[in-house]
PDB file of N, CA and C in Angstrom:
ATOM      1  N   UNK A   1    -172.516-144.684 -53.564  1.00  0.00           N
ATOM      2  CA  UNK A   1    -171.424-145.266 -52.910  1.00  0.00           C
ATOM      3  C   UNK A   1    -170.828-144.599 -51.473  1.00  0.00           C
ATOM      4  N   UNK A   2    -170.903-144.956 -50.710  1.00  0.00           N
ATOM      5  CA  UNK A   2    -170.151-144.035 -49.758  1.00  0.00           C
ATOM      6  C   UNK A   2    -168.938-144.485 -48.917  1.00  0.00           C
ATOM      7  N   UNK A   3    -168.474-143.280 -48.852  1.00  0.00           N
ATOM      8  CA  UNK A   3    -166.886-142.973 -48.564  1.00  0.00           C
ATOM      9  C   UNK A   3    -166.563-142.766 -47.122  1.00  0.00           C
ATOM     10  N   UNK A   4    -165.743-144.029 -46.595  1.00  0.00           N
ATOM     11  CA  UNK A   4    -165.185-144.136 -45.349  1.00  0.00           C
ATOM     12  C   UNK A   4    -164.252-142.976 -45.173  1.00  0.00           C
ATOM     13  N   UNK A   5    -164.147-142.495 -44.142  1.00  0.00           N
ATOM     14  CA  UNK A   5    -163.735-140.984 -43.469  1.00  0.00           C
ATOM     15  C   UNK A   5    -162.265-142.050 -43.688  1.00  0.00           C
ATOM     16  N   UNK A   6    -160.721-141.174 -44.434  1.00  0.00           N
ATOM     17  CA  UNK A   6    -159.303-141.587 -44.432  1.00  0.00           C
ATOM     18  C   UNK A   6    -159.206-142.579 -45.502  1.00  0.00           C
ATOM     19  N   UNK A   7    -160.362-142.616 -46.815  1.00  0.00           N
ATOM     20  CA  UNK A   7    -159.920-143.530 -47.916  1.00  0.00           C
ATOM     21  C   UNK A   7    -160.394-142.618 -48.881  1.00  0.00           C
ATOM     22  N   UNK A   8    -159.575-141.712 -48.990  1.00  0.00           N
ATOM     23  CA  UNK A   8    -160.036-141.026 -50.179  1.00  0.00           C
ATOM     24  C   UNK A   8    -159.085-140.918 -51.505  1.00  0.00           C
ATOM     25  N   UNK A   9    -157.950-141.433 -50.834  1.00  0.00           N
ATOM     26  CA  UNK A   9    -156.481-142.396 -51.583  1.00  0.00           C
ATOM     27  C   UNK A   9    -156.689-143.588 -52.454  1.00  0.00           C
ATOM     28  N   UNK A  10    -156.965-143.987 -53.584  1.00  0.00           N
ATOM     29  CA  UNK A  10    -155.826-145.381 -53.242  1.00  0.00           C
ATOM     30  C   UNK A  10    -154.878-146.241 -52.870  1.00  0.00           C
ATOM     31  N   UNK A  11    -153.759-145.335 -52.504  1.00  0.00           N
ATOM     32  CA  UNK A  11    -153.094-146.051 -51.315  1.00  0.00           C
ATOM     33  C   UNK A  11    -153.942-146.129 -49.730  1.00  0.00           C
ATOM     34  N   UNK A  12    -154.354-145.065 -49.014  1.00  0.00           N
ATOM     35  CA  UNK A  12    -155.102-145.172 -48.133  1.00  0.00           C
ATOM     36  C   UNK A  12    -155.924-147.155 -47.734  1.00  0.00           C
ATOM     37  N   UNK A  13    -155.833-147.478 -48.807  1.00  0.00           N
ATOM     38  CA  UNK A  13    -156.752-148.940 -48.937  1.00  0.00           C
ATOM     39  C   UNK A  13    -156.159-150.274 -49.039  1.00  0.00           C
ATOM     40  N   UNK A  14    -154.651-149.456 -49.322  1.00  0.00           N
ATOM     41  CA  UNK A  14    -153.445-150.867 -49.930  1.00  0.00           C
ATOM     42  C   UNK A  14    -153.515-151.004 -48.362  1.00  0.00           C
ATOM     43  N   UNK A  15    -153.653-152.854 -48.553  1.00  0.00           N
ATOM     44  CA  UNK A  15    -153.225-154.078 -47.405  1.00  0.00           C
ATOM     45  C   UNK A  15    -152.894-155.131 -48.003  1.00  0.00           C
ATOM     46  N   UNK A  16    -151.582-155.714 -47.501  1.00  0.00           N
ATOM     47  CA  UNK A  16    -151.702-157.209 -48.340  1.00  0.00           C
ATOM     48  C   UNK A  16    -152.372-158.026 -47.705  1.00  0.00           C
ATOM     49  N   UNK A  17    -152.621-159.026 -48.791  1.00  0.00           N
ATOM     50  CA  UNK A  17    -153.764-160.393 -48.549  1.00  0.00           C
ATOM     51  C   UNK A  17    -153.432-160.843 -47.468  1.00  0.00           C
ATOM     52  N   UNK A  18    -155.109-161.348 -46.347  1.00  0.00           N
ATOM     53  CA  UNK A  18    -154.266-162.407 -45.411  1.00  0.00           C
ATOM     54  C   UNK A  18    -153.981-163.696 -46.019  1.00  0.00           C
ATOM     55  N   UNK A  19    -153.944-163.860 -47.328  1.00  0.00           N
ATOM     56  CA  UNK A  19    -153.831-165.465 -47.939  1.00  0.00           C
ATOM     57  C   UNK A  19    -152.149-165.529 -48.532  1.00  0.00           C
ATOM     58  N   UNK A  20    -151.382-164.156 -47.725  1.00  0.00           N
ATOM     59  CA  UNK A  20    -150.081-163.531 -48.632  1.00  0.00           C
ATOM     60  C   UNK A  20    -148.863-164.713 -47.518  1.00  0.00           C
ATOM     61  N   UNK A  21    -148.244-165.343 -48.473  1.00  0.00           N
ATOM     62  CA  UNK A  21    -147.328-166.072 -47.411  1.00  0.00           C
ATOM     63  C   UNK A  21    -146.116-165.219 -47.103  1.00  0.00           C
ATOM     64  N   UNK A  22    -145.820-165.599 -45.668  1.00  0.00           N
ATOM     65  CA  UNK A  22    -145.061-164.731 -44.855  1.00  0.00           C
ATOM     66  C   UNK A  22    -143.739-164.726 -45.553  1.00  0.00           C
ATOM     67  N   UNK A  23    -142.824-163.288 -44.812  1.00  0.00           N
ATOM     68  CA  UNK A  23    -142.090-163.319 -45.614  1.00  0.00           C
ATOM     69  C   UNK A  23    -142.278-162.206 -46.056  1.00  0.00           C
ATOM     70  N   UNK A  24    -140.754-161.441 -47.025  1.00  0.00           N
ATOM     71  CA  UNK A  24    -140.537-160.052 -47.789  1.00  0.00           C
ATOM     72  C   UNK A  24    -141.368-160.515 -49.240  1.00  0.00           C
ATOM     73  N   UNK A  25    -142.446-159.693 -49.852  1.00  0.00           N
ATOM     74  CA  UNK A  25    -142.680-160.031 -51.165  1.00  0.00           C
ATOM     75  C   UNK A  25    -141.858-159.416 -52.571  1.00  0.00           C
ATOM     76  N   UNK A  26    -140.862-160.105 -52.469  1.00  0.00           N
ATOM     77  CA  UNK A  26    -139.675-159.239 -52.868  1.00  0.00           C
ATOM     78  C   UNK A  26    -139.949-159.084 -54.170  1.00  0.00           C
ATOM     79  N   UNK A  27    -140.935-160.080 -55.392  1.00  0.00           N
ATOM     80  CA  UNK A  27    -141.234-159.111 -56.399  1.00  0.00           C
ATOM     81  C   UNK A  27    -141.770-158.210 -56.620  1.00  0.00           C
ATOM     82  N   UNK A  28    -142.638-158.140 -55.333  1.00  0.00           N
ATOM     83  CA  UNK A  28    -143.597-156.945 -55.557  1.00  0.00           C
ATOM     84  C   UNK A  28    -143.459-155.939 -54.977  1.00  0.00           C
ATOM     85  N   UNK A  29    -142.121-155.723 -54.124  1.00  0.00           N
ATOM     86  CA  UNK A  29    -141.101-155.107 -54.012  1.00  0.00           C
ATOM     87  C   UNK A  29    -140.313-154.241 -54.855  1.00  0.00           C
ATOM     88  N   UNK A  30    -139.764-155.219 -55.669  1.00  0.00           N
ATOM     89  CA  UNK A  30    -138.565-154.825 -56.852  1.00  0.00           C
ATOM     90  C   UNK A  30    -140.168-154.474 -58.097  1.00  0.00           C
ATOM     91  N   UNK A  31    -141.359-154.672 -58.235  1.00  0.00           N
ATOM     92  CA  UNK A  31    -141.644-153.934 -58.919  1.00  0.00           C
ATOM     93  C   UNK A  31    -142.482-152.440 -58.923  1.00  0.00           C
ATOM     94  N   UNK A  32    -142.510-152.373 -58.018  1.00  0.00           N
ATOM     95  CA  UNK A  32    -142.869-151.006 -57.557  1.00  0.00           C
ATOM     96  C   UNK A  32    -141.917-150.538 -57.502  1.00  0.00           C
ATOM     97  N   UNK A  33    -140.237-150.658 -57.355  1.00  0.00           N
ATOM     98  CA  UNK A  33    -139.074-149.722 -57.152  1.00  0.00           C
ATOM     99  C   UNK A  33    -138.563-149.829 -58.370  1.00  0.00           C
ATOM    100  N   UNK A  34    -139.051-150.780 -59.386  1.00  0.00           N
ATOM    101  CA  UNK A  34    -139.098-150.500 -60.776  1.00  0.00           C
ATOM    102  C   UNK A  34    -140.296-149.459 -61.625  1.00  0.00           C
ATOM    103  N   UNK A  35    -141.070-149.143 -61.228  1.00  0.00           N
ATOM    104  CA  UNK A  35    -141.943-148.256 -61.443  1.00  0.00           C
ATOM    105  C   UNK A  35    -141.398-147.042 -60.862  1.00  0.00           C
ATOM    106  N   UNK A  36    -141.568-146.634 -59.537  1.00  0.00           N
ATOM    107  CA  UNK A  36    -140.767-144.992 -59.496  1.00  0.00           C
ATOM    108  C   UNK A  36    -139.535-144.768 -59.856  1.00  0.00           C
ATOM    109  N   UNK A  37    -138.326-146.246 -60.433  1.00  0.00           N
ATOM    110  CA  UNK A  37    -137.582-145.340 -60.893  1.00  0.00           C
ATOM    111  C   UNK A  37    -137.607-145.239 -62.487  1.00  0.00           C
ATOM    112  N   UNK A  38    -138.401-145.968 -63.118  1.00  0.00           N
ATOM    113  CA  UNK A  38    -139.197-145.393 -64.481  1.00  0.00           C
ATOM    114  C   UNK A  38    -140.159-143.842 -64.434  1.00  0.00           C
ATOM    115  N   UNK A  39    -140.436-143.568 -63.339  1.00  0.00           N
ATOM    116  CA  UNK A  39    -140.836-142.537 -63.381  1.00  0.00           C
ATOM    117  C   UNK A  39    -140.148-141.099 -63.244  1.00  0.00           C
ATOM    118  N   UNK A  40    -139.327-141.548 -62.551  1.00  0.00           N
ATOM    119  CA  UNK A  40    -138.017-140.436 -62.187  1.00  0.00           C
ATOM    120  C   UNK A  40    -136.856-140.642 -63.376  1.00  0.00           C
ATOM    121  N   UNK A  41    -136.885-141.423 -64.309  1.00  0.00           N
ATOM    122  CA  UNK A  41    -135.907-141.856 -65.724  1.00  0.00           C
ATOM    123  C   UNK A  41    -136.677-140.602 -66.659  1.00  0.00           C
ATOM    124  N   UNK A  42    -138.197-141.017 -66.253  1.00  0.00           N
ATOM    125  CA  UNK A  42    -139.193-140.020 -67.242  1.00  0.00           C
ATOM    126  C   UNK A  42    -138.765-138.795 -67.163  1.00  0.00           C
ATOM    127  N   UNK A  43    -138.934-138.411 -65.610  1.00  0.00           N
ATOM    128  CA  UNK A  43    -138.575-136.779 -65.349  1.00  0.00           C
ATOM    129  C   UNK A  43    -137.368-135.899 -65.681  1.00  0.00           C
ATOM    130  N   UNK A  44    -136.281-137.048 -65.624  1.00  0.00           N
ATOM    131  CA  UNK A  44    -134.692-136.533 -65.755  1.00  0.00           C
ATOM    132  C   UNK A  44    -134.455-136.253 -67.465  1.00  0.00           C
ATOM    133  N   UNK A  45    -135.217-137.626 -67.881  1.00  0.00           N
ATOM    134  CA  UNK A  45    -134.888-137.143 -69.495  1.00  0.00           C
ATOM    135  C   UNK A  45    -135.708-136.051 -70.433  1.00  0.00           C
ATOM    136  N   UNK A  46    -136.968-135.504 -69.216  1.00  0.00           N
ATOM    137  CA  UNK A  46    -137.379-134.265 -69.551  1.00  0.00           C
ATOM    138  C   UNK A  46    -136.294-133.397 -69.201  1.00  0.00           C
ATOM    139  N   UNK A  47    -135.906-133.382 -68.490  1.00  0.00           N
ATOM    140  CA  UNK A  47    -135.557-132.097 -67.734  1.00  0.00           C
ATOM    141  C   UNK A  47    -134.098-131.509 -68.475  1.00  0.00           C
ATOM    142  N   UNK A  48    -133.551-132.910 -69.007  1.00  0.00           N
ATOM    143  CA  UNK A  48    -132.104-133.518 -69.346  1.00  0.00           C
ATOM    144  C   UNK A  48    -132.236-132.436 -71.133  1.00  0.00           C
ATOM    145  N   UNK A  49    -133.314-132.312 -71.390  1.00  0.00           N
ATOM    146  CA  UNK A  49    -133.352-132.327 -73.037  1.00  0.00           C
ATOM    147  C   UNK A  49    -133.818-130.987 -73.116  1.00  0.00           C
ATOM    148  N   UNK A  50    -134.143-130.365 -74.444  1.00  0.00           N
ATOM    149  CA  UNK A  50    -134.185-129.406 -74.967  1.00  0.00           C
ATOM    150  C   UNK A  50    -136.032-128.493 -75.420  1.00  0.00           C
ATOM    151  N   UNK A  51    -136.625-129.618 -74.091  1.00  0.00           N
ATOM    152  CA  UNK A  51    -138.115-129.247 -74.167  1.00  0.00           C
ATOM    153  C   UNK A  51    -138.639-128.167 -73.108  1.00  0.00           C
ATOM    154  N   UNK A  52    -139.918-127.380 -73.815  1.00  0.00           N
ATOM    155  CA  UNK A  52    -140.340-126.951 -73.148  1.00  0.00           C
ATOM    156  C   UNK A  52    -140.659-127.676 -71.488  1.00  0.00           C
ATOM    157  N   UNK A  53    -140.432-127.004 -70.032  1.00  0.00           N
ATOM    158  CA  UNK A  53    -140.340-127.502 -68.931  1.00  0.00           C
ATOM    159  C   UNK A  53    -141.801-127.418 -68.766  1.00  0.00           C
ATOM    160  N   UNK A  54    -142.039-128.569 -68.323  1.00  0.00           N
ATOM    161  CA  UNK A  54    -143.201-129.130 -67.854  1.00  0.00           C
ATOM    162  C   UNK A  54    -144.083-128.210 -66.569  1.00  0.00           C
ATOM    163  N   UNK A  55    -144.950-127.701 -66.557  1.00  0.00           N
ATOM    164  CA  UNK A  55    -145.848-127.324 -65.573  1.00  0.00           C
ATOM    165  C   UNK A  55    -145.753-127.579 -64.461  1.00  0.00           C
ATOM    166  N   UNK A  56    -146.518-126.968 -63.301  1.00  0.00           N
ATOM    167  CA  UNK A  56    -145.856-127.460 -61.804  1.00  0.00           C
ATOM    168  C   UNK A  56    -146.500-128.745 -61.603  1.00  0.00           C
ATOM    169  N   UNK A  57    -148.015-128.378 -61.911  1.00  0.00           N
ATOM    170  CA  UNK A  57    -148.897-129.221 -61.864  1.00  0.00           C
ATOM    171  C   UNK A  57    -148.588-130.771 -61.916  1.00  0.00           C
ATOM    172  N   UNK A  58    -148.142-130.753 -63.619  1.00  0.00           N
ATOM    173  CA  UNK A  58    -147.355-132.009 -63.544  1.00  0.00           C
ATOM    174  C   UNK A  58    -146.538-132.609 -62.992  1.00  0.00           C
ATOM    175  N   UNK A  59    -145.160-131.719 -62.644  1.00  0.00           N
ATOM    176  CA  UNK A  59    -144.106-131.678 -61.530  1.00  0.00           C
ATOM    177  C   UNK A  59    -144.558-132.634 -60.561  1.00  0.00           C
ATOM    178  N   UNK A  60    -146.173-131.724 -59.746  1.00  0.00           N
ATOM    179  CA  UNK A  60    -146.309-131.998 -58.652  1.00  0.00           C
ATOM    180  C   UNK A  60    -147.001-133.386 -58.653  1.00  0.00           C
ATOM    181  N   UNK A  61    -147.518-133.816 -59.548  1.00  0.00           N
ATOM    182  CA  UNK A  61    -147.876-135.280 -59.944  1.00  0.00           C
ATOM    183  C   UNK A  61    -147.136-136.687 -60.084  1.00  0.00           C
ATOM    184  N   UNK A  62    -146.077-136.140 -60.784  1.00  0.00           N
ATOM    185  CA  UNK A  62    -145.020-136.929 -60.732  1.00  0.00           C
ATOM    186  C   UNK A  62    -144.510-136.969 -59.533  1.00  0.00           C
ATOM    187  N   UNK A  63    -144.281-135.837 -58.356  1.00  0.00           N
ATOM    188  CA  UNK A  63    -143.648-136.230 -57.200  1.00  0.00           C
ATOM    189  C   UNK A  63    -144.933-137.046 -56.480  1.00  0.00           C
ATOM    190  N   UNK A  64    -145.969-136.753 -56.579  1.00  0.00           N
ATOM    191  CA  UNK A  64    -147.083-137.319 -55.921  1.00  0.00           C
ATOM    192  C   UNK A  64    -147.041-139.040 -56.375  1.00  0.00           C
ATOM    193  N   UNK A  65    -146.361-139.414 -57.567  1.00  0.00           N
ATOM    194  CA  UNK A  65    -146.693-140.604 -57.450  1.00  0.00           C
ATOM    195  C   UNK A  65    -145.640-141.727 -57.232  1.00  0.00           C
ATOM    196  N   UNK A  66    -144.817-140.503 -57.063  1.00  0.00           N
ATOM    197  CA  UNK A  66    -143.266-141.575 -56.237  1.00  0.00           C
ATOM    198  C   UNK A  66    -143.771-141.518 -54.947  1.00  0.00           C
ATOM    199  N   UNK A  67    -144.063-140.542 -54.052  1.00  0.00           N
ATOM    200  CA  UNK A  67    -144.073-140.584 -52.786  1.00  0.00           C
ATOM    201  C   UNK A  67    -145.332-142.079 -52.504  1.00  0.00           C
ATOM    202  N   UNK A  68    -146.531-141.798 -53.522  1.00  0.00           N
ATOM    203  CA  UNK A  68    -147.401-142.868 -53.043  1.00  0.00           C
ATOM    204  C   UNK A  68    -146.635-144.517 -53.594  1.00  0.00           C
ATOM    205  N   UNK A  69    -145.874-144.604 -54.578  1.00  0.00           N
ATOM    206  CA  UNK A  69    -144.884-145.781 -54.695  1.00  0.00           C
ATOM    207  C   UNK A  69    -144.250-146.315 -53.558  1.00  0.00           C
ATOM    208  N   UNK A  70    -143.251-144.831 -52.760  1.00  0.00           N
ATOM    209  CA  UNK A  70    -142.856-145.245 -51.700  1.00  0.00           C
ATOM    210  C   UNK A  70    -143.565-145.819 -50.725  1.00  0.00           C
ATOM    211  N   UNK A  71    -144.687-144.908 -50.535  1.00  0.00           N
ATOM    212  CA  UNK A  71    -145.375-145.675 -49.148  1.00  0.00           C
ATOM    213  C   UNK A  71    -146.011-147.209 -49.310  1.00  0.00           C
ATOM    214  N   UNK A  72    -146.200-147.503 -50.896  1.00  0.00           N
ATOM    215  CA  UNK A  72    -146.837-149.098 -51.390  1.00  0.00           C
ATOM    216  C   UNK A  72    -144.836-149.803 -50.648  1.00  0.00           C
ATOM    217  N   UNK A  73    -144.005-149.297 -51.189  1.00  0.00           N
ATOM    218  CA  UNK A  73    -142.907-150.190 -50.905  1.00  0.00           C
ATOM    219  C   UNK A  73    -142.727-150.207 -49.396  1.00  0.00           C
ATOM    220  N   UNK A  74    -142.973-149.381 -48.595  1.00  0.00           N
ATOM    221  CA  UNK A  74    -142.974-149.248 -46.990  1.00  0.00           C
ATOM    222  C   UNK A  74    -144.058-150.448 -46.262  1.00  0.00           C
ATOM    223  N   UNK A  75    -145.126-150.010 -47.628  1.00  0.00           N
ATOM    224  CA  UNK A  75    -146.328-151.371 -46.530  1.00  0.00           C
ATOM    225  C   UNK A  75    -146.107-152.966 -46.671  1.00  0.00           C
ATOM    226  N   UNK A  76    -145.409-152.963 -48.011  1.00  0.00           N
ATOM    227  CA  UNK A  76    -145.229-154.516 -48.195  1.00  0.00           C
ATOM    228  C   UNK A  76    -143.661-154.858 -47.471  1.00  0.00           C
ATOM    229  N   UNK A  77    -143.050-153.421 -47.199  1.00  0.00           N
ATOM    230  CA  UNK A  77    -141.915-153.955 -46.165  1.00  0.00           C
ATOM    231  C   UNK A  77    -142.062-154.572 -44.652  1.00  0.00           C
ATOM    232  N   UNK A  78    -143.296-153.536 -44.300  1.00  0.00           N
ATOM    233  CA  UNK A  78    -143.730-153.248 -42.674  1.00  0.00           C
ATOM    234  C   UNK A  78    -143.991-154.869 -42.629  1.00  0.00           C
ATOM    235  N   UNK A  79    -144.920-155.255 -43.834  1.00  0.00           N
ATOM    236  CA  UNK A  79    -145.515-156.946 -43.834  1.00  0.00           C
ATOM    237  C   UNK A  79    -144.396-158.089 -43.589  1.00  0.00           C
ATOM    238  N   UNK A  80    -143.263-157.689 -44.373  1.00  0.00           N
ATOM    239  CA  UNK A  80    -142.960-158.912 -44.877  1.00  0.00           C
ATOM    240  C   UNK A  80    -142.203-158.976 -42.883  1.00  0.00           C
ATOM    241  N   UNK A  81    -141.836-157.563 -42.313  1.00  0.00           N
ATOM    242  CA  UNK A  81    -140.792-157.546 -40.937  1.00  0.00           C
ATOM    243  C   UNK A  81    -141.864-158.070 -40.369  1.00  0.00           C
ATOM    244  N   UNK A  82    -142.965-157.921 -40.375  1.00  0.00           N
ATOM    245  CA  UNK A  82    -143.955-158.549 -39.245  1.00  0.00           C
ATOM    246  C   UNK A  82    -144.148-159.912 -39.128  1.00  0.00           C
ATOM    247  N   UNK A  83    -144.268-160.435 -40.843  1.00  0.00           N
ATOM    248  CA  UNK A  83    -144.487-161.897 -40.812  1.00  0.00           C
ATOM    249  C   UNK A  83    -143.329-162.960 -40.701  1.00  0.00           C
ATOM    250  N   UNK A  84    -142.108-162.157 -40.842  1.00  0.00           N
ATOM    251  CA  UNK A  84    -140.858-163.035 -40.724  1.00  0.00           C
ATOM    252  C   UNK A  84    -140.714-163.261 -38.884  1.00  0.00           C
ATOM    253  N   UNK A  85    -140.346-164.498 -39.269  1.00  0.00           N
ATOM    254  CA  UNK A  85    -140.333-164.892 -37.523  1.00  0.00           C
ATOM    255  C   UNK A  85    -138.515-165.031 -37.582  1.00  0.00           C
ATOM    256  N   UNK A  86    -137.754-164.491 -36.487  1.00  0.00           N
ATOM    257  CA  UNK A  86    -136.505-163.771 -36.112  1.00  0.00           C
ATOM    258  C   UNK A  86    -135.991-165.349 -35.842  1.00  0.00           C
ATOM    259  N   UNK A  87    -134.991-165.740 -36.393  1.00  0.00           N
ATOM    260  CA  UNK A  87    -133.873-167.254 -36.470  1.00  0.00           C
ATOM    261  C   UNK A  87    -133.844-167.466 -35.077  1.00  0.00           C
ATOM    262  N   UNK A  88    -133.867-166.807 -34.436  1.00  0.00           N
ATOM    263  CA  UNK A  88    -133.450-166.961 -32.592  1.00  0.00           C
ATOM    264  C   UNK A  88    -134.986-167.784 -32.471  1.00  0.00           C
ATOM    265  N   UNK A  89    -136.045-167.189 -32.755  1.00  0.00           N
ATOM    266  CA  UNK A  89    -137.755-167.971 -32.263  1.00  0.00           C
ATOM    267  C   UNK A  89    -138.115-169.477 -33.356  1.00  0.00           C
ATOM    268  N   UNK A  90    -137.144-169.163 -34.055  1.00  0.00           N
ATOM    269  CA  UNK A  90    -137.498-170.600 -35.339  1.00  0.00           C
ATOM    270  C   UNK A  90    -137.478-172.035 -34.312  1.00  0.00           C
ATOM    271  N   UNK A  91    -136.310-171.733 -33.402  1.00  0.00           N
ATOM    272  CA  UNK A  91    -135.675-173.027 -32.711  1.00  0.00           C
ATOM    273  C   UNK A  91    -135.261-173.841 -33.812  1.00  0.00           C
ATOM    274  N   UNK A  92    -134.466-174.958 -32.635  1.00  0.00           N
ATOM    275  CA  UNK A  92    -132.807-175.612 -33.597  1.00  0.00           C
ATOM    276  C   UNK A  92    -131.944-174.851 -33.049  1.00  0.00           C
ATOM    277  N   UNK A  93    -130.763-175.313 -33.841  1.00  0.00           N
ATOM    278  CA  UNK A  93    -129.579-174.841 -33.348  1.00  0.00           C
ATOM    279  C   UNK A  93    -129.028-173.519 -33.792  1.00  0.00           C
ATOM    280  N   UNK A  94    -128.335-172.497 -33.082  1.00  0.00           N
ATOM    281  CA  UNK A  94    -128.213-171.409 -33.798  1.00  0.00           C
ATOM    282  C   UNK A  94    -126.543-170.840 -34.230  1.00  0.00           C
TER     283      UNK A  94
END
């Protein structure tokens, strides 16, 4: 399998399907927000407890995961913005 330059991470391949409806994909955005919140909640619970601290490698992976999820949210939001037509351009009464 050949690797295209710049596609070394799953997030590099993310795009919104051309079959998707125009507008904000609110369900996908809400899901991504809940996913990031869950990861942060697990981390917060771990740090508040009397458990041994996680290794730097695990903490780095948690941060990387949340950053990736924020990237997904950004992609979905930009799609929603780009595919939405401002009210002034839809025609009809203003």
